[in-house]
PDB file of N, CA and C in Angstrom:
ATOM      1  N   UNK A   1       0.945  -1.246  -0.040  1.00  0.00           N
ATOM      2  CA  UNK A   1       0.131   0.076   0.017  1.00  0.00           C
ATOM      3  C   UNK A   1       1.047   1.266   0.035  1.00  0.00           C
ATOM      4  N   UNK A   2       0.243   2.242  -0.834  1.00  0.00           N
ATOM      5  CA  UNK A   2       1.177   3.659  -0.778  1.00  0.00           C
ATOM      6  C   UNK A   2       0.543   4.383   0.513  1.00  0.00           C
ATOM      7  N   UNK A   3       1.679   5.169   0.991  1.00  0.00           N
ATOM      8  CA  UNK A   3       1.231   6.216   1.965  1.00  0.00           C
ATOM      9  C   UNK A   3       0.861   7.454   1.244  1.00  0.00           C
ATOM     10  N   UNK A   4      -0.414   8.006   1.106  1.00  0.00           N
ATOM     11  CA  UNK A   4      -0.676   9.186   0.649  1.00  0.00           C
ATOM     12  C   UNK A   4      -0.848  10.224   1.718  1.00  0.00           C
ATOM     13  N   UNK A   5      -0.165  11.440   1.322  1.00  0.00           N
ATOM     14  CA  UNK A   5      -0.192  12.384   2.181  1.00  0.00           C
ATOM     15  C   UNK A   5      -0.783  13.705   1.755  1.00  0.00           C
ATOM     16  N   UNK A   6      -1.899  14.257   2.481  1.00  0.00           N
ATOM     17  CA  UNK A   6      -2.642  15.468   1.643  1.00  0.00           C
ATOM     18  C   UNK A   6      -2.015  16.514   2.511  1.00  0.00           C
ATOM     19  N   UNK A   7      -1.617  17.655   1.800  1.00  0.00           N
ATOM     20  CA  UNK A   7      -1.341  18.814   2.425  1.00  0.00           C
ATOM     21  C   UNK A   7      -2.449  19.459   3.031  1.00  0.00           C
ATOM     22  N   UNK A   8      -2.253  20.265   3.944  1.00  0.00           N
ATOM     23  CA  UNK A   8      -3.358  20.896   4.576  1.00  0.00           C
ATOM     24  C   UNK A   8      -4.401  21.586   3.724  1.00  0.00           C
ATOM     25  N   UNK A   9      -3.889  22.303   2.710  1.00  0.00           N
ATOM     26  CA  UNK A   9      -5.080  22.951   1.877  1.00  0.00           C
ATOM     27  C   UNK A   9      -5.853  21.877   1.265  1.00  0.00           C
ATOM     28  N   UNK A  10      -5.644  20.724   1.105  1.00  0.00           N
ATOM     29  CA  UNK A  10      -6.548  19.576   0.743  1.00  0.00           C
ATOM     30  C   UNK A  10      -7.103  18.920   1.952  1.00  0.00           C
ATOM     31  N   UNK A  11      -6.519  18.654   2.909  1.00  0.00           N
ATOM     32  CA  UNK A  11      -7.086  17.827   3.701  1.00  0.00           C
ATOM     33  C   UNK A  11      -8.163  18.692   4.679  1.00  0.00           C
ATOM     34  N   UNK A  12      -8.091  19.833   4.479  1.00  0.00           N
ATOM     35  CA  UNK A  12      -9.505  20.681   5.198  1.00  0.00           C
ATOM     36  C   UNK A  12     -10.987  20.269   4.380  1.00  0.00           C
ATOM     37  N   UNK A  13     -10.770  19.533   3.258  1.00  0.00           N
ATOM     38  CA  UNK A  13     -11.770  19.431   2.613  1.00  0.00           C
ATOM     39  C   UNK A  13     -12.370  17.791   2.856  1.00  0.00           C
ATOM     40  N   UNK A  14     -11.653  17.134   3.759  1.00  0.00           N
ATOM     41  CA  UNK A  14     -11.955  15.991   4.207  1.00  0.00           C
ATOM     42  C   UNK A  14     -13.236  16.088   5.325  1.00  0.00           C
ATOM     43  N   UNK A  15     -14.124  15.007   5.579  1.00  0.00           N
ATOM     44  CA  UNK A  15     -15.099  15.265   6.413  1.00  0.00           C
ATOM     45  C   UNK A  15     -14.914  15.508   7.891  1.00  0.00           C
ATOM     46  N   UNK A  16     -13.647  14.886   8.373  1.00  0.00           N
ATOM     47  CA  UNK A  16     -13.418  15.152   9.662  1.00  0.00           C
ATOM     48  C   UNK A  16     -12.865  16.600   9.928  1.00  0.00           C
ATOM     49  N   UNK A  17     -12.514  17.303   8.979  1.00  0.00           N
ATOM     50  CA  UNK A  17     -12.104  18.651   9.373  1.00  0.00           C
ATOM     51  C   UNK A  17     -13.325  19.598   9.287  1.00  0.00           C
ATOM     52  N   UNK A  18     -14.296  19.424   8.857  1.00  0.00           N
ATOM     53  CA  UNK A  18     -15.551  20.216   9.233  1.00  0.00           C
ATOM     54  C   UNK A  18     -15.292  21.560   9.485  1.00  0.00           C
ATOM     55  N   UNK A  19     -14.525  21.971   8.592  1.00  0.00           N
ATOM     56  CA  UNK A  19     -14.079  23.751   8.654  1.00  0.00           C
ATOM     57  C   UNK A  19     -13.161  24.170   9.657  1.00  0.00           C
ATOM     58  N   UNK A  20     -12.586  22.988  10.460  1.00  0.00           N
ATOM     59  CA  UNK A  20     -11.366  23.308  11.403  1.00  0.00           C
ATOM     60  C   UNK A  20     -10.192  23.438  10.769  1.00  0.00           C
ATOM     61  N   UNK A  21      -9.431  24.208  11.222  1.00  0.00           N
ATOM     62  CA  UNK A  21      -7.998  24.089  10.665  1.00  0.00           C
ATOM     63  C   UNK A  21      -7.412  22.746  10.698  1.00  0.00           C
ATOM     64  N   UNK A  22      -6.663  22.053   9.868  1.00  0.00           N
ATOM     65  CA  UNK A  22      -5.940  20.911   9.480  1.00  0.00           C
ATOM     66  C   UNK A  22      -4.557  20.827   9.307  1.00  0.00           C
ATOM     67  N   UNK A  23      -3.924  20.064   9.588  1.00  0.00           N
ATOM     68  CA  UNK A  23      -2.577  19.910   9.056  1.00  0.00           C
ATOM     69  C   UNK A  23      -2.501  18.705   7.852  1.00  0.00           C
ATOM     70  N   UNK A  24      -1.448  18.306   7.795  1.00  0.00           N
ATOM     71  CA  UNK A  24      -1.157  17.163   6.811  1.00  0.00           C
ATOM     72  C   UNK A  24      -2.215  15.992   7.458  1.00  0.00           C
ATOM     73  N   UNK A  25      -2.826  15.126   6.056  1.00  0.00           N
ATOM     74  CA  UNK A  25      -3.161  13.757   6.768  1.00  0.00           C
ATOM     75  C   UNK A  25      -2.709  12.834   5.799  1.00  0.00           C
ATOM     76  N   UNK A  26      -2.216  12.071   6.545  1.00  0.00           N
ATOM     77  CA  UNK A  26      -1.665  10.615   5.645  1.00  0.00           C
ATOM     78  C   UNK A  26      -2.606   9.361   5.781  1.00  0.00           C
ATOM     79  N   UNK A  27      -2.868   8.878   4.619  1.00  0.00           N
ATOM     80  CA  UNK A  27      -3.788   7.726   4.365  1.00  0.00           C
ATOM     81  C   UNK A  27      -3.115   6.655   3.761  1.00  0.00           C
ATOM     82  N   UNK A  28      -3.501   5.331   3.889  1.00  0.00           N
ATOM     83  CA  UNK A  28      -3.047   4.121   3.276  1.00  0.00           C
ATOM     84  C   UNK A  28      -3.771   3.589   2.067  1.00  0.00           C
ATOM     85  N   UNK A  29      -3.465   3.668   1.052  1.00  0.00           N
ATOM     86  CA  UNK A  29      -4.374   3.588  -0.307  1.00  0.00           C
ATOM     87  C   UNK A  29      -3.667   2.587  -1.159  1.00  0.00           C
ATOM     88  N   UNK A  30      -4.229   1.373  -1.533  1.00  0.00           N
ATOM     89  CA  UNK A  30      -3.887   0.487  -2.360  1.00  0.00           C
ATOM     90  C   UNK A  30      -3.510   0.893  -3.775  1.00  0.00           C
ATOM     91  N   UNK A  31      -2.906   0.418  -4.646  1.00  0.00           N
ATOM     92  CA  UNK A  31      -2.649   0.898  -5.986  1.00  0.00           C
ATOM     93  C   UNK A  31      -1.235   0.604  -6.559  1.00  0.00           C
ATOM     94  N   UNK A  32      -0.989   0.193  -7.505  1.00  0.00           N
ATOM     95  CA  UNK A  32       0.192  -0.002  -8.606  1.00  0.00           C
ATOM     96  C   UNK A  32       0.861   1.053  -9.112  1.00  0.00           C
ATOM     97  N   UNK A  33      -0.016   1.910  -9.653  1.00  0.00           N
ATOM     98  CA  UNK A  33       0.368   3.224 -10.100  1.00  0.00           C
ATOM     99  C   UNK A  33      -0.239   4.365  -9.503  1.00  0.00           C
ATOM    100  N   UNK A  34      -0.005   5.525  -9.957  1.00  0.00           N
ATOM    101  CA  UNK A  34      -0.395   6.912  -9.568  1.00  0.00           C
ATOM    102  C   UNK A  34      -1.881   6.857  -9.774  1.00  0.00           C
ATOM    103  N   UNK A  35      -2.296   6.654 -10.847  1.00  0.00           N
ATOM    104  CA  UNK A  35      -3.808   6.623 -11.103  1.00  0.00           C
ATOM    105  C   UNK A  35      -4.310   5.879 -10.152  1.00  0.00           C
ATOM    106  N   UNK A  36      -3.929   4.590 -10.144  1.00  0.00           N
ATOM    107  CA  UNK A  36      -4.881   3.572  -9.008  1.00  0.00           C
ATOM    108  C   UNK A  36      -4.936   4.181  -7.813  1.00  0.00           C
ATOM    109  N   UNK A  37      -3.581   4.877  -7.261  1.00  0.00           N
ATOM    110  CA  UNK A  37      -3.732   5.351  -5.962  1.00  0.00           C
ATOM    111  C   UNK A  37      -4.725   6.578  -5.716  1.00  0.00           C
ATOM    112  N   UNK A  38      -4.552   7.303  -7.054  1.00  0.00           N
ATOM    113  CA  UNK A  38      -5.827   8.550  -6.659  1.00  0.00           C
ATOM    114  C   UNK A  38      -7.030   7.928  -6.772  1.00  0.00           C
ATOM    115  N   UNK A  39      -7.423   7.034  -7.632  1.00  0.00           N
ATOM    116  CA  UNK A  39      -8.664   6.262  -7.792  1.00  0.00           C
ATOM    117  C   UNK A  39      -9.135   5.938  -6.270  1.00  0.00           C
ATOM    118  N   UNK A  40      -8.340   5.063  -5.572  1.00  0.00           N
ATOM    119  CA  UNK A  40      -8.551   4.820  -4.479  1.00  0.00           C
ATOM    120  C   UNK A  40      -8.872   5.841  -3.473  1.00  0.00           C
ATOM    121  N   UNK A  41      -8.049   6.719  -3.325  1.00  0.00           N
ATOM    122  CA  UNK A  41      -8.165   8.167  -2.511  1.00  0.00           C
ATOM    123  C   UNK A  41      -9.687   8.494  -2.685  1.00  0.00           C
ATOM    124  N   UNK A  42      -9.910   8.784  -4.166  1.00  0.00           N
ATOM    125  CA  UNK A  42     -11.148   9.204  -4.494  1.00  0.00           C
ATOM    126  C   UNK A  42     -12.474   8.480  -4.054  1.00  0.00           C
ATOM    127  N   UNK A  43     -12.208   7.089  -3.953  1.00  0.00           N
ATOM    128  CA  UNK A  43     -13.398   6.156  -3.693  1.00  0.00           C
ATOM    129  C   UNK A  43     -13.566   6.408  -2.047  1.00  0.00           C
ATOM    130  N   UNK A  44     -12.396   6.546  -1.367  1.00  0.00           N
ATOM    131  CA  UNK A  44     -12.439   6.911   0.303  1.00  0.00           C
ATOM    132  C   UNK A  44     -13.050   8.499   0.407  1.00  0.00           C
ATOM    133  N   UNK A  45     -12.842   9.470  -0.261  1.00  0.00           N
ATOM    134  CA  UNK A  45     -12.959  10.871  -0.296  1.00  0.00           C
ATOM    135  C   UNK A  45     -13.414  11.388  -1.632  1.00  0.00           C
ATOM    136  N   UNK A  46     -14.713  11.137  -2.076  1.00  0.00           N
ATOM    137  CA  UNK A  46     -15.087  11.627  -3.561  1.00  0.00           C
ATOM    138  C   UNK A  46     -14.795  13.051  -3.631  1.00  0.00           C
ATOM    139  N   UNK A  47     -15.222  13.782  -2.589  1.00  0.00           N
ATOM    140  CA  UNK A  47     -15.254  15.324  -2.704  1.00  0.00           C
ATOM    141  C   UNK A  47     -13.721  15.934  -3.221  1.00  0.00           C
ATOM    142  N   UNK A  48     -12.760  14.865  -2.856  1.00  0.00           N
ATOM    143  CA  UNK A  48     -11.377  15.484  -3.347  1.00  0.00           C
ATOM    144  C   UNK A  48     -11.267  15.413  -4.902  1.00  0.00           C
ATOM    145  N   UNK A  49     -11.821  14.664  -5.696  1.00  0.00           N
ATOM    146  CA  UNK A  49     -11.894  14.416  -6.924  1.00  0.00           C
ATOM    147  C   UNK A  49     -11.538  15.731  -7.736  1.00  0.00           C
ATOM    148  N   UNK A  50     -12.596  16.773  -7.562  1.00  0.00           N
ATOM    149  CA  UNK A  50     -12.732  17.844  -8.281  1.00  0.00           C
ATOM    150  C   UNK A  50     -11.735  18.937  -8.020  1.00  0.00           C
ATOM    151  N   UNK A  51     -10.924  18.688  -6.811  1.00  0.00           N
ATOM    152  CA  UNK A  51      -9.848  19.679  -6.343  1.00  0.00           C
ATOM    153  C   UNK A  51      -8.637  19.114  -6.941  1.00  0.00           C
ATOM    154  N   UNK A  52      -8.328  17.752  -7.203  1.00  0.00           N
ATOM    155  CA  UNK A  52      -7.139  17.191  -7.480  1.00  0.00           C
ATOM    156  C   UNK A  52      -7.193  17.026  -9.075  1.00  0.00           C
ATOM    157  N   UNK A  53      -8.035  16.647  -9.664  1.00  0.00           N
ATOM    158  CA  UNK A  53      -7.909  16.180 -11.103  1.00  0.00           C
ATOM    159  C   UNK A  53      -9.139  17.088 -11.851  1.00  0.00           C
ATOM    160  N   UNK A  54      -8.988  17.181 -13.224  1.00  0.00           N
ATOM    161  CA  UNK A  54      -9.910  17.844 -13.940  1.00  0.00           C
ATOM    162  C   UNK A  54     -10.826  16.808 -14.578  1.00  0.00           C
ATOM    163  N   UNK A  55     -11.872  17.387 -15.418  1.00  0.00           N
ATOM    164  CA  UNK A  55     -12.878  16.510 -16.160  1.00  0.00           C
ATOM    165  C   UNK A  55     -12.323  15.345 -16.988  1.00  0.00           C
ATOM    166  N   UNK A  56     -11.266  15.564 -17.136  1.00  0.00           N
ATOM    167  CA  UNK A  56     -10.151  14.582 -18.252  1.00  0.00           C
ATOM    168  C   UNK A  56      -9.547  13.565 -17.086  1.00  0.00           C
ATOM    169  N   UNK A  57      -9.503  13.982 -16.088  1.00  0.00           N
ATOM    170  CA  UNK A  57      -8.680  12.897 -15.155  1.00  0.00           C
ATOM    171  C   UNK A  57      -7.271  13.052 -15.149  1.00  0.00           C
ATOM    172  N   UNK A  58      -6.720  14.328 -15.542  1.00  0.00           N
ATOM    173  CA  UNK A  58      -5.313  14.958 -15.394  1.00  0.00           C
ATOM    174  C   UNK A  58      -5.361  15.800 -14.228  1.00  0.00           C
ATOM    175  N   UNK A  59      -3.969  15.413 -13.535  1.00  0.00           N
ATOM    176  CA  UNK A  59      -3.847  16.432 -12.255  1.00  0.00           C
ATOM    177  C   UNK A  59      -4.060  17.927 -12.926  1.00  0.00           C
ATOM    178  N   UNK A  60      -4.731  18.705 -11.939  1.00  0.00           N
ATOM    179  CA  UNK A  60      -4.857  20.133 -12.143  1.00  0.00           C
ATOM    180  C   UNK A  60      -3.710  20.891 -12.162  1.00  0.00           C
ATOM    181  N   UNK A  61      -3.580  21.777 -12.957  1.00  0.00           N
ATOM    182  CA  UNK A  61      -2.508  22.593 -13.256  1.00  0.00           C
ATOM    183  C   UNK A  61      -1.947  23.153 -11.808  1.00  0.00           C
ATOM    184  N   UNK A  62      -2.600  23.582 -10.746  1.00  0.00           N
ATOM    185  CA  UNK A  62      -2.256  24.078  -9.663  1.00  0.00           C
ATOM    186  C   UNK A  62      -2.027  22.967  -8.550  1.00  0.00           C
ATOM    187  N   UNK A  63      -2.005  21.643  -8.761  1.00  0.00           N
ATOM    188  CA  UNK A  63      -1.794  20.785  -7.975  1.00  0.00           C
ATOM    189  C   UNK A  63      -0.406  20.016  -8.281  1.00  0.00           C
ATOM    190  N   UNK A  64       0.211  19.596  -7.354  1.00  0.00           N
ATOM    191  CA  UNK A  64       1.497  18.992  -7.332  1.00  0.00           C
ATOM    192  C   UNK A  64       1.238  17.516  -6.711  1.00  0.00           C
ATOM    193  N   UNK A  65       1.860  16.611  -7.385  1.00  0.00           N
ATOM    194  CA  UNK A  65       1.808  15.223  -7.096  1.00  0.00           C
ATOM    195  C   UNK A  65       3.276  14.649  -6.829  1.00  0.00           C
ATOM    196  N   UNK A  66       3.861  14.153  -5.815  1.00  0.00           N
ATOM    197  CA  UNK A  66       5.207  13.818  -5.773  1.00  0.00           C
ATOM    198  C   UNK A  66       5.126  12.332  -5.338  1.00  0.00           C
ATOM    199  N   UNK A  67       6.124  11.607  -6.083  1.00  0.00           N
ATOM    200  CA  UNK A  67       6.136  10.104  -5.578  1.00  0.00           C
ATOM    201  C   UNK A  67       7.819   9.819  -5.188  1.00  0.00           C
ATOM    202  N   UNK A  68       7.691   9.655  -3.895  1.00  0.00           N
ATOM    203  CA  UNK A  68       9.121   9.241  -3.222  1.00  0.00           C
ATOM    204  C   UNK A  68       9.826  10.568  -3.270  1.00  0.00           C
ATOM    205  N   UNK A  69       9.380  11.758  -3.160  1.00  0.00           N
ATOM    206  CA  UNK A  69       9.977  12.971  -3.337  1.00  0.00           C
ATOM    207  C   UNK A  69      10.129  13.531  -4.662  1.00  0.00           C
ATOM    208  N   UNK A  70       9.984  12.766  -5.655  1.00  0.00           N
ATOM    209  CA  UNK A  70      10.008  13.428  -7.013  1.00  0.00           C
ATOM    210  C   UNK A  70       8.699  13.722  -7.899  1.00  0.00           C
ATOM    211  N   UNK A  71       8.532  14.899  -8.499  1.00  0.00           N
ATOM    212  CA  UNK A  71       7.340  15.232  -9.179  1.00  0.00           C
ATOM    213  C   UNK A  71       6.915  14.291 -10.414  1.00  0.00           C
ATOM    214  N   UNK A  72       5.781  14.099 -10.381  1.00  0.00           N
ATOM    215  CA  UNK A  72       5.245  12.886 -11.400  1.00  0.00           C
ATOM    216  C   UNK A  72       5.574  13.673 -12.732  1.00  0.00           C
ATOM    217  N   UNK A  73       6.012  13.005 -13.874  1.00  0.00           N
ATOM    218  CA  UNK A  73       6.352  13.435 -15.108  1.00  0.00           C
ATOM    219  C   UNK A  73       5.561  14.178 -15.828  1.00  0.00           C
ATOM    220  N   UNK A  74       4.278  13.485 -15.969  1.00  0.00           N
ATOM    221  CA  UNK A  74       3.216  14.185 -16.712  1.00  0.00           C
ATOM    222  C   UNK A  74       1.867  14.086 -15.864  1.00  0.00           C
ATOM    223  N   UNK A  75       1.279  15.180 -15.653  1.00  0.00           N
ATOM    224  CA  UNK A  75       0.048  15.124 -15.105  1.00  0.00           C
ATOM    225  C   UNK A  75      -1.171  14.807 -15.807  1.00  0.00           C
ATOM    226  N   UNK A  76      -1.065  14.280 -17.167  1.00  0.00           N
ATOM    227  CA  UNK A  76      -2.264  13.690 -17.874  1.00  0.00           C
ATOM    228  C   UNK A  76      -1.757  12.247 -18.005  1.00  0.00           C
ATOM    229  N   UNK A  77      -0.759  11.620 -17.736  1.00  0.00           N
ATOM    230  CA  UNK A  77      -0.662  10.147 -17.754  1.00  0.00           C
ATOM    231  C   UNK A  77      -0.177   9.590 -16.370  1.00  0.00           C
ATOM    232  N   UNK A  78      -1.055   9.289 -15.748  1.00  0.00           N
ATOM    233  CA  UNK A  78      -0.926   8.607 -14.281  1.00  0.00           C
ATOM    234  C   UNK A  78      -0.569   7.429 -14.100  1.00  0.00           C
ATOM    235  N   UNK A  79       0.236   6.757 -15.113  1.00  0.00           N
ATOM    236  CA  UNK A  79       0.512   5.038 -15.221  1.00  0.00           C
ATOM    237  C   UNK A  79       1.749   4.944 -14.497  1.00  0.00           C
ATOM    238  N   UNK A  80       2.556   6.105 -14.223  1.00  0.00           N
ATOM    239  CA  UNK A  80       3.720   5.572 -13.225  1.00  0.00           C
ATOM    240  C   UNK A  80       3.699   4.786 -12.129  1.00  0.00           C
ATOM    241  N   UNK A  81       4.464   3.518 -12.377  1.00  0.00           N
ATOM    242  CA  UNK A  81       4.270   2.589 -11.217  1.00  0.00           C
ATOM    243  C   UNK A  81       4.671   3.046  -9.799  1.00  0.00           C
ATOM    244  N   UNK A  82       4.275   2.285  -9.032  1.00  0.00           N
ATOM    245  CA  UNK A  82       4.662   2.716  -7.546  1.00  0.00           C
ATOM    246  C   UNK A  82       5.229   1.529  -6.711  1.00  0.00           C
ATOM    247  N   UNK A  83       6.231   1.753  -5.898  1.00  0.00           N
ATOM    248  CA  UNK A  83       6.795   0.687  -5.302  1.00  0.00           C
ATOM    249  C   UNK A  83       5.782   0.256  -4.295  1.00  0.00           C
ATOM    250  N   UNK A  84       5.921  -0.741  -3.540  1.00  0.00           N
ATOM    251  CA  UNK A  84       5.089  -1.361  -2.482  1.00  0.00           C
ATOM    252  C   UNK A  84       4.930  -0.391  -1.360  1.00  0.00           C
ATOM    253  N   UNK A  85       6.063   0.405  -1.012  1.00  0.00           N
ATOM    254  CA  UNK A  85       5.881   1.343   0.157  1.00  0.00           C
ATOM    255  C   UNK A  85       5.936   2.725  -0.358  1.00  0.00           C
ATOM    256  N   UNK A  86       5.480   3.113  -1.453  1.00  0.00           N
ATOM    257  CA  UNK A  86       5.759   4.479  -2.075  1.00  0.00           C
ATOM    258  C   UNK A  86       5.045   5.340  -1.066  1.00  0.00           C
ATOM    259  N   UNK A  87       5.615   6.556  -1.356  1.00  0.00           N
ATOM    260  CA  UNK A  87       5.038   8.053  -0.613  1.00  0.00           C
ATOM    261  C   UNK A  87       4.423   8.602  -1.640  1.00  0.00           C
ATOM    262  N   UNK A  88       3.143   9.056  -1.660  1.00  0.00           N
ATOM    263  CA  UNK A  88       2.678   9.767  -2.598  1.00  0.00           C
ATOM    264  C   UNK A  88       2.044  11.356  -1.959  1.00  0.00           C
ATOM    265  N   UNK A  89       2.828  12.224  -2.189  1.00  0.00           N
ATOM    266  CA  UNK A  89       2.282  13.680  -1.576  1.00  0.00           C
ATOM    267  C   UNK A  89       1.170  14.387  -2.707  1.00  0.00           C
ATOM    268  N   UNK A  90       0.321  14.828  -2.292  1.00  0.00           N
ATOM    269  CA  UNK A  90      -0.565  15.632  -3.044  1.00  0.00           C
ATOM    270  C   UNK A  90      -0.855  16.892  -2.586  1.00  0.00           C
ATOM    271  N   UNK A  91      -0.553  18.173  -3.206  1.00  0.00           N
ATOM    272  CA  UNK A  91      -0.435  19.374  -2.645  1.00  0.00           C
ATOM    273  C   UNK A  91      -1.037  20.337  -3.579  1.00  0.00           C
ATOM    274  N   UNK A  92      -1.410  21.494  -3.279  1.00  0.00           N
ATOM    275  CA  UNK A  92      -1.794  22.572  -4.100  1.00  0.00           C
ATOM    276  C   UNK A  92      -0.382  23.101  -4.249  1.00  0.00           C
ATOM    277  N   UNK A  93      -0.165  23.600  -5.518  1.00  0.00           N
ATOM    278  CA  UNK A  93       1.013  24.343  -5.865  1.00  0.00           C
ATOM    279  C   UNK A  93       0.827  25.911  -5.883  1.00  0.00           C
ATOM    280  N   UNK A  94       1.779  26.669  -5.689  1.00  0.00           N
ATOM    281  CA  UNK A  94       1.818  27.989  -5.571  1.00  0.00           C
ATOM    282  C   UNK A  94       2.018  28.676  -7.092  1.00  0.00           C
ATOM    283  N   UNK A  95       1.290  29.695  -7.379  1.00  0.00           N
ATOM    284  CA  UNK A  95       1.764  30.158  -8.573  1.00  0.00           C
ATOM    285  C   UNK A  95       1.489  31.732  -8.591  1.00  0.00           C
ATOM    286  N   UNK A  96       2.266  32.407  -9.634  1.00  0.00           N
ATOM    287  CA  UNK A  96       1.911  33.911  -9.574  1.00  0.00           C
ATOM    288  C   UNK A  96       3.254  34.285  -9.353  1.00  0.00           C
ATOM    289  N   UNK A  97       3.358  35.762  -9.464  1.00  0.00           N
ATOM    290  CA  UNK A  97       4.688  36.423  -9.437  1.00  0.00           C
ATOM    291  C   UNK A  97       4.850  37.385  -8.498  1.00  0.00           C
TER     292      UNK A  97
END
């Protein structure tokens, strides 16, 4: 199983947050690829889907996904395989100037 960590900007949308300030939240999610793990995450917390991926299933422009400390290569192709104990970080990226 992968360890999925949601940064506080996303974890606030989980039911247990209920409008309270939150920190990072870590979950164990099964999956052999980034897409599988995200699908498992969305099965547990369907309301996160719209914040993380767009209508085509690609990771949104202002969301960053890291696997074992490295950013995923392509936000549209989520087939990157994961090791048995992978760590997947999902966070909102900052933009602007």
